Amino acid sequence: MAQIIDPLPPDAQAALCCYVNATSKIQIARITNIPNWYFERVVFPGQRLVFEAFPQALLEIHSGMMSTILADTIPCDRLHVEVELEGDLQLGESETPLLSVAVES
């Protein structure tokens, strides 16, 4: 998965991560604990944010209307997902999914 804005270094051992905003408020997701790399995204209510990050990264979740408040800090190794490709990747109609994502808990 390519992150065009703020990409990880090319030799990085990145993990695919997923965060879901289960609230009714807009949130800001930030990673600030990795040197020479900064990640920040707006996450709308119900939105699923899929991103690449170092396993030791900490995802900060900020919420609030006028000023943001640090609501949660989640280690990215807890947000890790595994991607499995099923069958041949073919264009066209198919009754079986070509991509499945398994979330580790």
PDB file of N, CA and C in Angstrom:
ATOM      1  N   MET A   1       0.846  -1.169   0.000  1.00  0.00           N
ATOM      2  CA  MET A   1       0.000   0.000   0.000  1.00  0.00           C
ATOM      3  C   MET A   1       0.890   1.230   0.000  1.00  0.00           C
ATOM      4  N   ALA A   2       0.680   2.106  -0.947  1.00  0.00           N
ATOM      5  CA  ALA A   2       1.520   3.296  -1.063  1.00  0.00           C
ATOM      6  C   ALA A   2       0.899   4.465  -0.308  1.00  0.00           C
ATOM      7  N   GLN A   3       1.719   5.129   0.481  1.00  0.00           N
ATOM      8  CA  GLN A   3       1.311   6.357   1.135  1.00  0.00           C
ATOM      9  C   GLN A   3       2.063   7.470   0.432  1.00  0.00           C
ATOM     10  N   ILE A   4       1.387   8.227  -0.378  1.00  0.00           N
ATOM     11  CA  ILE A   4       2.033   9.254  -1.179  1.00  0.00           C
ATOM     12  C   ILE A   4       2.459  10.428  -0.314  1.00  0.00           C
ATOM     13  N   ILE A   5       1.621  10.835   0.620  1.00  0.00           N
ATOM     14  CA  ILE A   5       1.945  11.931   1.523  1.00  0.00           C
ATOM     15  C   ILE A   5       2.667  11.338   2.725  1.00  0.00           C
ATOM     16  N   ASP A   6       3.796  11.901   3.095  1.00  0.00           N
ATOM     17  CA  ASP A   6       4.585  11.429   4.232  1.00  0.00           C
ATOM     18  C   ASP A   6       4.905   9.938   4.139  1.00  0.00           C
ATOM     19  N   PRO A   7       5.573   9.501   3.064  1.00  0.00           N
ATOM     20  CA  PRO A   7       5.858   8.062   2.950  1.00  0.00           C
ATOM     21  C   PRO A   7       6.890   7.615   3.980  1.00  0.00           C
ATOM     22  N   LEU A   8       6.843   6.344   4.314  1.00  0.00           N
ATOM     23  CA  LEU A   8       7.842   5.738   5.179  1.00  0.00           C
ATOM     24  C   LEU A   8       9.141   5.591   4.395  1.00  0.00           C
ATOM     25  N   PRO A   9      10.266   5.508   5.076  1.00  0.00           N
ATOM     26  CA  PRO A   9      11.529   5.267   4.362  1.00  0.00           C
ATOM     27  C   PRO A   9      11.444   3.974   3.547  1.00  0.00           C
ATOM     28  N   PRO A  10      12.150   3.902   2.399  1.00  0.00           N
ATOM     29  CA  PRO A  10      12.033   2.736   1.521  1.00  0.00           C
ATOM     30  C   PRO A  10      12.458   1.417   2.174  1.00  0.00           C
ATOM     31  N   ASP A  11      13.369   1.442   3.117  1.00  0.00           N
ATOM     32  CA  ASP A  11      13.830   0.212   3.760  1.00  0.00           C
ATOM     33  C   ASP A  11      13.057  -0.106   5.042  1.00  0.00           C
ATOM     34  N   ALA A  12      11.948   0.566   5.262  1.00  0.00           N
ATOM     35  CA  ALA A  12      11.181   0.405   6.503  1.00  0.00           C
ATOM     36  C   ALA A  12      10.451  -0.934   6.538  1.00  0.00           C
ATOM     37  N   GLN A  13      10.401  -1.523   7.720  1.00  0.00           N
ATOM     38  CA  GLN A  13       9.630  -2.744   7.951  1.00  0.00           C
ATOM     39  C   GLN A  13       8.255  -2.333   8.465  1.00  0.00           C
ATOM     40  N   ALA A  14       7.417  -1.851   7.570  1.00  0.00           N
ATOM     41  CA  ALA A  14       6.122  -1.304   7.947  1.00  0.00           C
ATOM     42  C   ALA A  14       5.071  -2.404   8.063  1.00  0.00           C
ATOM     43  N   ALA A  15       4.090  -2.133   8.887  1.00  0.00           N
ATOM     44  CA  ALA A  15       2.959  -3.038   9.065  1.00  0.00           C
ATOM     45  C   ALA A  15       1.701  -2.325   8.581  1.00  0.00           C
ATOM     46  N   LEU A  16       0.793  -3.073   7.993  1.00  0.00           N
ATOM     47  CA  LEU A  16      -0.489  -2.525   7.571  1.00  0.00           C
ATOM     48  C   LEU A  16      -1.394  -2.452   8.789  1.00  0.00           C
ATOM     49  N   CYS A  17      -1.980  -1.281   9.028  1.00  0.00           N
ATOM     50  CA  CYS A  17      -2.791  -1.043  10.218  1.00  0.00           C
ATOM     51  C   CYS A  17      -4.168  -0.509   9.824  1.00  0.00           C
ATOM     52  N   CYS A  18      -5.117  -0.686  10.730  1.00  0.00           N
ATOM     53  CA  CYS A  18      -6.477  -0.199  10.482  1.00  0.00           C
ATOM     54  C   CYS A  18      -7.059   0.358  11.781  1.00  0.00           C
ATOM     55  N   TYR A  19      -7.611   1.571  11.684  1.00  0.00           N
ATOM     56  CA  TYR A  19      -8.292   2.205  12.813  1.00  0.00           C
ATOM     57  C   TYR A  19      -9.687   2.605  12.345  1.00  0.00           C
ATOM     58  N   VAL A  20     -10.701   2.384  13.171  1.00  0.00           N
ATOM     59  CA  VAL A  20     -12.080   2.757  12.845  1.00  0.00           C
ATOM     60  C   VAL A  20     -12.557   3.797  13.845  1.00  0.00           C
ATOM     61  N   ASN A  21     -13.071   4.910  13.336  1.00  0.00           N
ATOM     62  CA  ASN A  21     -13.666   5.935  14.192  1.00  0.00           C
ATOM     63  C   ASN A  21     -15.100   5.505  14.497  1.00  0.00           C
ATOM     64  N   ALA A  22     -15.297   4.920  15.658  1.00  0.00           N
ATOM     65  CA  ALA A  22     -16.612   4.415  16.053  1.00  0.00           C
ATOM     66  C   ALA A  22     -17.448   5.471  16.774  1.00  0.00           C
ATOM     67  N   THR A  23     -16.985   6.722  16.771  1.00  0.00           N
ATOM     68  CA  THR A  23     -17.727   7.796  17.441  1.00  0.00           C
ATOM     69  C   THR A  23     -18.561   8.568  16.426  1.00  0.00           C
ATOM     70  N   SER A  24     -19.307   9.527  16.913  1.00  0.00           N
ATOM     71  CA  SER A  24     -20.096  10.401  16.038  1.00  0.00           C
ATOM     72  C   SER A  24     -19.381  11.724  15.790  1.00  0.00           C
ATOM     73  N   LYS A  25     -18.119  11.826  16.197  1.00  0.00           N
ATOM     74  CA  LYS A  25     -17.331  13.057  16.068  1.00  0.00           C
ATOM     75  C   LYS A  25     -16.172  12.864  15.093  1.00  0.00           C
ATOM     76  N   ILE A  26     -15.760  13.952  14.462  1.00  0.00           N
ATOM     77  CA  ILE A  26     -14.562  13.929  13.634  1.00  0.00           C
ATOM     78  C   ILE A  26     -13.353  13.811  14.546  1.00  0.00           C
ATOM     79  N   GLN A  27     -12.391  12.985  14.154  1.00  0.00           N
ATOM     80  CA  GLN A  27     -11.180  12.795  14.943  1.00  0.00           C
ATOM     81  C   GLN A  27      -9.949  13.107  14.085  1.00  0.00           C
ATOM     82  N   ILE A  28      -8.851  13.393  14.748  1.00  0.00           N
ATOM     83  CA  ILE A  28      -7.550  13.552  14.098  1.00  0.00           C
ATOM     84  C   ILE A  28      -6.683  12.402  14.580  1.00  0.00           C
ATOM     85  N   ALA A  29      -6.114  11.647  13.642  1.00  0.00           N
ATOM     86  CA  ALA A  29      -5.200  10.552  13.984  1.00  0.00           C
ATOM     87  C   ALA A  29      -3.782  11.018  13.673  1.00  0.00           C
ATOM     88  N   ARG A  30      -2.884  10.900  14.645  1.00  0.00           N
ATOM     89  CA  ARG A  30      -1.498  11.358  14.484  1.00  0.00           C
ATOM     90  C   ARG A  30      -0.524  10.309  14.989  1.00  0.00           C
ATOM     91  N   ILE A  31       0.629  10.243  14.318  1.00  0.00           N
ATOM     92  CA  ILE A  31       1.773   9.482  14.821  1.00  0.00           C
ATOM     93  C   ILE A  31       2.924  10.468  14.893  1.00  0.00           C
ATOM     94  N   THR A  32       3.464  10.672  16.095  1.00  0.00           N
ATOM     95  CA  THR A  32       4.521  11.669  16.275  1.00  0.00           C
ATOM     96  C   THR A  32       5.769  11.093  16.932  1.00  0.00           C
ATOM     97  N   ASN A  33       5.749   9.819  17.312  1.00  0.00           N
ATOM     98  CA  ASN A  33       6.880   9.274  18.073  1.00  0.00           C
ATOM     99  C   ASN A  33       7.957   8.621  17.197  1.00  0.00           C
ATOM    100  N   ILE A  34       7.849   8.714  15.879  1.00  0.00           N
ATOM    101  CA  ILE A  34       8.850   8.135  14.979  1.00  0.00           C
ATOM    102  C   ILE A  34       9.715   9.273  14.436  1.00  0.00           C
ATOM    103  N   PRO A  35      11.040   9.239  14.671  1.00  0.00           N
ATOM    104  CA  PRO A  35      11.921  10.320  14.192  1.00  0.00           C
ATOM    105  C   PRO A  35      11.892  10.446  12.663  1.00  0.00           C
ATOM    106  N   ASN A  36      11.896  11.683  12.191  1.00  0.00           N
ATOM    107  CA  ASN A  36      11.928  12.007  10.765  1.00  0.00           C
ATOM    108  C   ASN A  36      10.697  11.524   9.992  1.00  0.00           C
ATOM    109  N   TRP A  37       9.591  11.319  10.692  1.00  0.00           N
ATOM    110  CA  TRP A  37       8.356  10.917  10.027  1.00  0.00           C
ATOM    111  C   TRP A  37       7.175  11.450  10.823  1.00  0.00           C
ATOM    112  N   TYR A  38       6.198  12.008  10.117  1.00  0.00           N
ATOM    113  CA  TYR A  38       5.013  12.564  10.763  1.00  0.00           C
ATOM    114  C   TYR A  38       3.797  12.106   9.982  1.00  0.00           C
ATOM    115  N   PHE A  39       2.786  11.639  10.671  1.00  0.00           N
ATOM    116  CA  PHE A  39       1.567  11.134  10.049  1.00  0.00           C
ATOM    117  C   PHE A  39       0.384  11.807  10.722  1.00  0.00           C
ATOM    118  N   GLU A  40      -0.506  12.389   9.930  1.00  0.00           N
ATOM    119  CA  GLU A  40      -1.709  13.013  10.474  1.00  0.00           C
ATOM    120  C   GLU A  40      -2.821  12.902   9.448  1.00  0.00           C
ATOM    121  N   ARG A  41      -3.974  12.424   9.876  1.00  0.00           N
ATOM    122  CA  ARG A  41      -5.129  12.287   8.994  1.00  0.00           C
ATOM    123  C   ARG A  41      -6.401  12.660   9.749  1.00  0.00           C
ATOM    124  N   VAL A  42      -7.378  13.182   9.045  1.00  0.00           N
ATOM    125  CA  VAL A  42      -8.715  13.418   9.577  1.00  0.00           C
ATOM    126  C   VAL A  42      -9.499  12.128   9.380  1.00  0.00           C
ATOM    127  N   VAL A  43     -10.200  11.696  10.436  1.00  0.00           N
ATOM    128  CA  VAL A  43     -10.990  10.469  10.368  1.00  0.00           C
ATOM    129  C   VAL A  43     -12.434  10.833  10.700  1.00  0.00           C
ATOM    130  N   PHE A  44     -13.315  10.665   9.733  1.00  0.00           N
ATOM    131  CA  PHE A  44     -14.719  11.023   9.906  1.00  0.00           C
ATOM    132  C   PHE A  44     -15.465   9.913  10.644  1.00  0.00           C
ATOM    133  N   PRO A  45     -16.617  10.231  11.248  1.00  0.00           N
ATOM    134  CA  PRO A  45     -17.389   9.216  11.973  1.00  0.00           C
ATOM    135  C   PRO A  45     -17.682   8.005  11.086  1.00  0.00           C
ATOM    136  N   GLY A  46     -17.395   6.818  11.607  1.00  0.00           N
ATOM    137  CA  GLY A  46     -17.639   5.581  10.866  1.00  0.00           C
ATOM    138  C   GLY A  46     -16.573   5.239   9.835  1.00  0.00           C
ATOM    139  N   GLN A  47     -15.621   6.123   9.619  1.00  0.00           N
ATOM    140  CA  GLN A  47     -14.593   5.887   8.602  1.00  0.00           C
ATOM    141  C   GLN A  47     -13.559   4.882   9.100  1.00  0.00           C
ATOM    142  N   ARG A  48     -13.062   4.084   8.170  1.00  0.00           N
ATOM    143  CA  ARG A  48     -11.994   3.114   8.428  1.00  0.00           C
ATOM    144  C   ARG A  48     -10.722   3.684   7.822  1.00  0.00           C
ATOM    145  N   LEU A  49      -9.710   3.909   8.643  1.00  0.00           N
ATOM    146  CA  LEU A  49      -8.431   4.448   8.195  1.00  0.00           C
ATOM    147  C   LEU A  49      -7.442   3.300   8.090  1.00  0.00           C
ATOM    148  N   VAL A  50      -6.980   3.010   6.872  1.00  0.00           N
ATOM    149  CA  VAL A  50      -5.991   1.960   6.636  1.00  0.00           C
ATOM    150  C   VAL A  50      -4.689   2.654   6.260  1.00  0.00           C
ATOM    151  N   PHE A  51      -3.596   2.299   6.939  1.00  0.00           N
ATOM    152  CA  PHE A  51      -2.331   2.986   6.734  1.00  0.00           C
ATOM    153  C   PHE A  51      -1.175   2.058   7.061  1.00  0.00           C
ATOM    154  N   GLU A  52       0.026   2.436   6.628  1.00  0.00           N
ATOM    155  CA  GLU A  52       1.237   1.705   6.964  1.00  0.00           C
ATOM    156  C   GLU A  52       1.990   2.462   8.048  1.00  0.00           C
ATOM    157  N   ALA A  53       2.531   1.729   9.012  1.00  0.00           N
ATOM    158  CA  ALA A  53       3.287   2.357  10.095  1.00  0.00           C
ATOM    159  C   ALA A  53       4.258   1.345  10.684  1.00  0.00           C
ATOM    160  N   PHE A  54       5.225   1.862  11.426  1.00  0.00           N
ATOM    161  CA  PHE A  54       6.136   0.987  12.155  1.00  0.00           C
ATOM    162  C   PHE A  54       5.372   0.339  13.302  1.00  0.00           C
ATOM    163  N   PRO A  55       5.663  -0.907  13.632  1.00  0.00           N
ATOM    164  CA  PRO A  55       4.964  -1.566  14.748  1.00  0.00           C
ATOM    165  C   PRO A  55       5.115  -0.821  16.075  1.00  0.00           C
ATOM    166  N   GLN A  56       6.232  -0.115  16.284  1.00  0.00           N
ATOM    167  CA  GLN A  56       6.452   0.606  17.548  1.00  0.00           C
ATOM    168  C   GLN A  56       5.796   1.991  17.556  1.00  0.00           C
ATOM    169  N   ALA A  57       5.158   2.377  16.461  1.00  0.00           N
ATOM    170  CA  ALA A  57       4.497   3.685  16.396  1.00  0.00           C
ATOM    171  C   ALA A  57       3.287   3.726  17.327  1.00  0.00           C
ATOM    172  N   LEU A  58       2.989   4.922  17.813  1.00  0.00           N
ATOM    173  CA  LEU A  58       1.815   5.147  18.667  1.00  0.00           C
ATOM    174  C   LEU A  58       0.845   6.050  17.922  1.00  0.00           C
ATOM    175  N   LEU A  59      -0.372   5.559  17.702  1.00  0.00           N
ATOM    176  CA  LEU A  59      -1.406   6.351  17.037  1.00  0.00           C
ATOM    177  C   LEU A  59      -2.146   7.158  18.093  1.00  0.00           C
ATOM    178  N   GLU A  60      -2.042   8.477  17.995  1.00  0.00           N
ATOM    179  CA  GLU A  60      -2.759   9.374  18.911  1.00  0.00           C
ATOM    180  C   GLU A  60      -4.087   9.742  18.269  1.00  0.00           C
ATOM    181  N   ILE A  61      -5.157   9.641  19.035  1.00  0.00           N
ATOM    182  CA  ILE A  61      -6.484  10.018  18.555  1.00  0.00           C
ATOM    183  C   ILE A  61      -6.893  11.284  19.285  1.00  0.00           C
ATOM    184  N   HIS A  62      -7.103  12.346  18.529  1.00  0.00           N
ATOM    185  CA  HIS A  62      -7.496  13.644  19.076  1.00  0.00           C
ATOM    186  C   HIS A  62      -8.934  13.938  18.655  1.00  0.00           C
ATOM    187  N   SER A  63      -9.704  14.494  19.579  1.00  0.00           N
ATOM    188  CA  SER A  63     -11.086  14.865  19.270  1.00  0.00           C
ATOM    189  C   SER A  63     -11.401  16.205  19.916  1.00  0.00           C
ATOM    190  N   GLY A  64     -12.464  16.812  19.475  1.00  0.00           N
ATOM    191  CA  GLY A  64     -12.870  18.108  20.014  1.00  0.00           C
ATOM    192  C   GLY A  64     -13.254  19.044  18.887  1.00  0.00           C
ATOM    193  N   MET A  65     -14.090  20.017  19.192  1.00  0.00           N
ATOM    194  CA  MET A  65     -14.580  20.921  18.163  1.00  0.00           C
ATOM    195  C   MET A  65     -13.676  22.146  17.987  1.00  0.00           C
ATOM    196  N   MET A  66     -13.459  22.906  19.030  1.00  0.00           N
ATOM    197  CA  MET A  66     -12.676  24.133  18.917  1.00  0.00           C
ATOM    198  C   MET A  66     -11.184  23.883  19.125  1.00  0.00           C
ATOM    199  N   SER A  67     -10.857  23.020  20.042  1.00  0.00           N
ATOM    200  CA  SER A  67      -9.466  22.634  20.265  1.00  0.00           C
ATOM    201  C   SER A  67      -9.433  21.121  20.441  1.00  0.00           C
ATOM    202  N   THR A  68      -8.365  20.518  19.982  1.00  0.00           N
ATOM    203  CA  THR A  68      -8.327  19.064  20.056  1.00  0.00           C
ATOM    204  C   THR A  68      -7.805  18.602  21.409  1.00  0.00           C
ATOM    205  N   ILE A  69      -8.367  17.503  21.862  1.00  0.00           N
ATOM    206  CA  ILE A  69      -7.995  16.885  23.126  1.00  0.00           C
ATOM    207  C   ILE A  69      -7.509  15.479  22.814  1.00  0.00           C
ATOM    208  N   LEU A  70      -6.371  15.098  23.389  1.00  0.00           N
ATOM    209  CA  LEU A  70      -5.862  13.744  23.199  1.00  0.00           C
ATOM    210  C   LEU A  70      -6.818  12.780  23.892  1.00  0.00           C
ATOM    211  N   ALA A  71      -7.552  12.018  23.095  1.00  0.00           N
ATOM    212  CA  ALA A  71      -8.563  11.113  23.633  1.00  0.00           C
ATOM    213  C   ALA A  71      -8.028   9.708  23.872  1.00  0.00           C
ATOM    214  N   ASP A  72      -7.035   9.276  23.067  1.00  0.00           N
ATOM    215  CA  ASP A  72      -6.531   7.914  23.193  1.00  0.00           C
ATOM    216  C   ASP A  72      -5.173   7.802  22.520  1.00  0.00           C
ATOM    217  N   THR A  73      -4.363   6.880  22.971  1.00  0.00           N
ATOM    218  CA  THR A  73      -3.095   6.543  22.336  1.00  0.00           C
ATOM    219  C   THR A  73      -3.075   5.035  22.170  1.00  0.00           C
ATOM    220  N   ILE A  74      -2.931   4.573  20.930  1.00  0.00           N
ATOM    221  CA  ILE A  74      -3.016   3.147  20.628  1.00  0.00           C
ATOM    222  C   ILE A  74      -1.719   2.692  19.967  1.00  0.00           C
ATOM    223  N   PRO A  75      -1.056   1.670  20.502  1.00  0.00           N
ATOM    224  CA  PRO A  75       0.133   1.129  19.831  1.00  0.00           C
ATOM    225  C   PRO A  75      -0.270   0.524  18.475  1.00  0.00           C
ATOM    226  N   CYS A  76       0.480   0.846  17.440  1.00  0.00           N
ATOM    227  CA  CYS A  76       0.130   0.373  16.096  1.00  0.00           C
ATOM    228  C   CYS A  76       0.211  -1.143  15.965  1.00  0.00           C
ATOM    229  N   ASP A  77       0.995  -1.801  16.818  1.00  0.00           N
ATOM    230  CA  ASP A  77       1.024  -3.263  16.738  1.00  0.00           C
ATOM    231  C   ASP A  77      -0.320  -3.876  17.143  1.00  0.00           C
ATOM    232  N   ARG A  78      -1.174  -3.106  17.830  1.00  0.00           N
ATOM    233  CA  ARG A  78      -2.530  -3.571  18.169  1.00  0.00           C
ATOM    234  C   ARG A  78      -3.513  -3.314  17.050  1.00  0.00           C
ATOM    235  N   LEU A  79      -3.113  -2.506  16.052  1.00  0.00           N
ATOM    236  CA  LEU A  79      -3.984  -2.183  14.913  1.00  0.00           C
ATOM    237  C   LEU A  79      -3.584  -2.945  13.662  1.00  0.00           C
ATOM    238  N   HIS A  80      -2.622  -3.852  13.795  1.00  0.00           N
ATOM    239  CA  HIS A  80      -2.070  -4.598  12.664  1.00  0.00           C
ATOM    240  C   HIS A  80      -3.131  -5.472  11.999  1.00  0.00           C
ATOM    241  N   VAL A  81      -3.142  -5.482  10.681  1.00  0.00           N
ATOM    242  CA  VAL A  81      -4.027  -6.362   9.907  1.00  0.00           C
ATOM    243  C   VAL A  81      -3.175  -7.177   8.942  1.00  0.00           C
ATOM    244  N   GLU A  82      -3.662  -8.358   8.601  1.00  0.00           N
ATOM    245  CA  GLU A  82      -2.994  -9.201   7.623  1.00  0.00           C
ATOM    246  C   GLU A  82      -3.847  -9.239   6.373  1.00  0.00           C
ATOM    247  N   VAL A  83      -3.193  -9.156   5.229  1.00  0.00           N
ATOM    248  CA  VAL A  83      -3.894  -9.178   3.953  1.00  0.00           C
ATOM    249  C   VAL A  83      -3.587 -10.495   3.265  1.00  0.00           C
ATOM    250  N   GLU A  84      -4.639 -11.159   2.815  1.00  0.00           N
ATOM    251  CA  GLU A  84      -4.482 -12.402   2.074  1.00  0.00           C
ATOM    252  C   GLU A  84      -5.164 -12.243   0.728  1.00  0.00           C
ATOM    253  N   LEU A  85      -4.438 -12.551  -0.323  1.00  0.00           N
ATOM    254  CA  LEU A  85      -5.029 -12.541  -1.653  1.00  0.00           C
ATOM    255  C   LEU A  85      -5.571 -13.929  -1.941  1.00  0.00           C
ATOM    256  N   GLU A  86      -6.798 -13.981  -2.451  1.00  0.00           N
ATOM    257  CA  GLU A  86      -7.431 -15.259  -2.735  1.00  0.00           C
ATOM    258  C   GLU A  86      -7.567 -15.435  -4.242  1.00  0.00           C
ATOM    259  N   GLY A  87      -7.082 -16.541  -4.752  1.00  0.00           N
ATOM    260  CA  GLY A  87      -7.260 -16.865  -6.160  1.00  0.00           C
ATOM    261  C   GLY A  87      -6.500 -15.930  -7.078  1.00  0.00           C
ATOM    262  N   ASP A  88      -6.859 -15.972  -8.335  1.00  0.00           N
ATOM    263  CA  ASP A  88      -6.249 -15.115  -9.347  1.00  0.00           C
ATOM    264  C   ASP A  88      -6.885 -13.739  -9.306  1.00  0.00           C
ATOM    265  N   LEU A  89      -6.086 -12.728  -9.469  1.00  0.00           N
ATOM    266  CA  LEU A  89      -6.611 -11.369  -9.540  1.00  0.00           C
ATOM    267  C   LEU A  89      -7.083 -11.126 -10.965  1.00  0.00           C
ATOM    268  N   GLN A  90      -8.390 -11.173 -11.166  1.00  0.00           N
ATOM    269  CA  GLN A  90      -8.964 -10.985 -12.489  1.00  0.00           C
ATOM    270  C   GLN A  90      -9.977  -9.863 -12.430  1.00  0.00           C
ATOM    271  N   LEU A  91     -10.035  -9.098 -13.492  1.00  0.00           N
ATOM    272  CA  LEU A  91     -11.047  -8.056 -13.585  1.00  0.00           C
ATOM    273  C   LEU A  91     -12.338  -8.680 -14.067  1.00  0.00           C
ATOM    274  N   GLY A  92     -13.437  -8.125 -13.645  1.00  0.00           N
ATOM    275  CA  GLY A  92     -14.730  -8.637 -14.068  1.00  0.00           C
ATOM    276  C   GLY A  92     -15.556  -9.032 -12.866  1.00  0.00           C
ATOM    277  N   GLU A  93     -16.707  -9.616 -13.142  1.00  0.00           N
ATOM    278  CA  GLU A  93     -17.607  -9.991 -12.067  1.00  0.00           C
ATOM    279  C   GLU A  93     -17.148 -11.281 -11.411  1.00  0.00           C
ATOM    280  N   SER A  94     -17.264 -11.326 -10.120  1.00  0.00           N
ATOM    281  CA  SER A  94     -16.875 -12.503  -9.353  1.00  0.00           C
ATOM    282  C   SER A  94     -17.746 -12.580  -8.115  1.00  0.00           C
ATOM    283  N   GLU A  95     -18.134 -13.797  -7.746  1.00  0.00           N
ATOM    284  CA  GLU A  95     -18.941 -13.960  -6.547  1.00  0.00           C
ATOM    285  C   GLU A  95     -18.086 -14.135  -5.298  1.00  0.00           C
ATOM    286  N   THR A  96     -16.789 -14.396  -5.476  1.00  0.00           N
ATOM    287  CA  THR A  96     -15.916 -14.561  -4.328  1.00  0.00           C
ATOM    288  C   THR A  96     -15.033 -13.337  -4.193  1.00  0.00           C
ATOM    289  N   PRO A  97     -14.738 -12.935  -2.968  1.00  0.00           N
ATOM    290  CA  PRO A  97     -13.890 -11.751  -2.792  1.00  0.00           C
ATOM    291  C   PRO A  97     -12.450 -12.030  -3.218  1.00  0.00           C
ATOM    292  N   LEU A  98     -11.820 -11.040  -3.819  1.00  0.00           N
ATOM    293  CA  LEU A  98     -10.437 -11.162  -4.229  1.00  0.00           C
ATOM    294  C   LEU A  98      -9.490 -10.780  -3.116  1.00  0.00           C
ATOM    295  N   LEU A  99      -9.975 -10.038  -2.151  1.00  0.00           N
ATOM    296  CA  LEU A  99      -9.126  -9.548  -1.074  1.00  0.00           C
ATOM    297  C   LEU A  99      -9.863  -9.695   0.232  1.00  0.00           C
ATOM    298  N   SER A 100      -9.207 -10.304   1.198  1.00  0.00           N
ATOM    299  CA  SER A 100      -9.818 -10.387   2.533  1.00  0.00           C
ATOM    300  C   SER A 100      -8.818  -9.847   3.543  1.00  0.00           C
ATOM    301  N   VAL A 101      -9.330  -9.191   4.551  1.00  0.00           N
ATOM    302  CA  VAL A 101      -8.491  -8.605   5.587  1.00  0.00           C
ATOM    303  C   VAL A 101      -8.858  -9.239   6.912  1.00  0.00           C
ATOM    304  N   ALA A 102      -7.864  -9.810   7.590  1.00  0.00           N
ATOM    305  CA  ALA A 102      -8.074 -10.420   8.900  1.00  0.00           C
ATOM    306  C   ALA A 102      -7.466  -9.511   9.958  1.00  0.00           C
ATOM    307  N   VAL A 103      -8.252  -9.104  10.924  1.00  0.00           N
ATOM    308  CA  VAL A 103      -7.800  -8.215  11.980  1.00  0.00           C
ATOM    309  C   VAL A 103      -7.372  -9.061  13.172  1.00  0.00           C
ATOM    310  N   GLU A 104      -6.124  -8.827  13.637  1.00  0.00           N
ATOM    311  CA  GLU A 104      -5.648  -9.533  14.824  1.00  0.00           C
ATOM    312  C   GLU A 104      -6.104  -8.797  16.067  1.00  0.00           C
ATOM    313  N   SER A 105      -6.469  -9.553  17.101  1.00  0.00           N
ATOM    314  CA  SER A 105      -6.832  -8.893  18.353  1.00  0.00           C
ATOM    315  C   SER A 105      -5.905  -9.260  19.459  1.00  0.00           C
TER     316      SER A 105
END
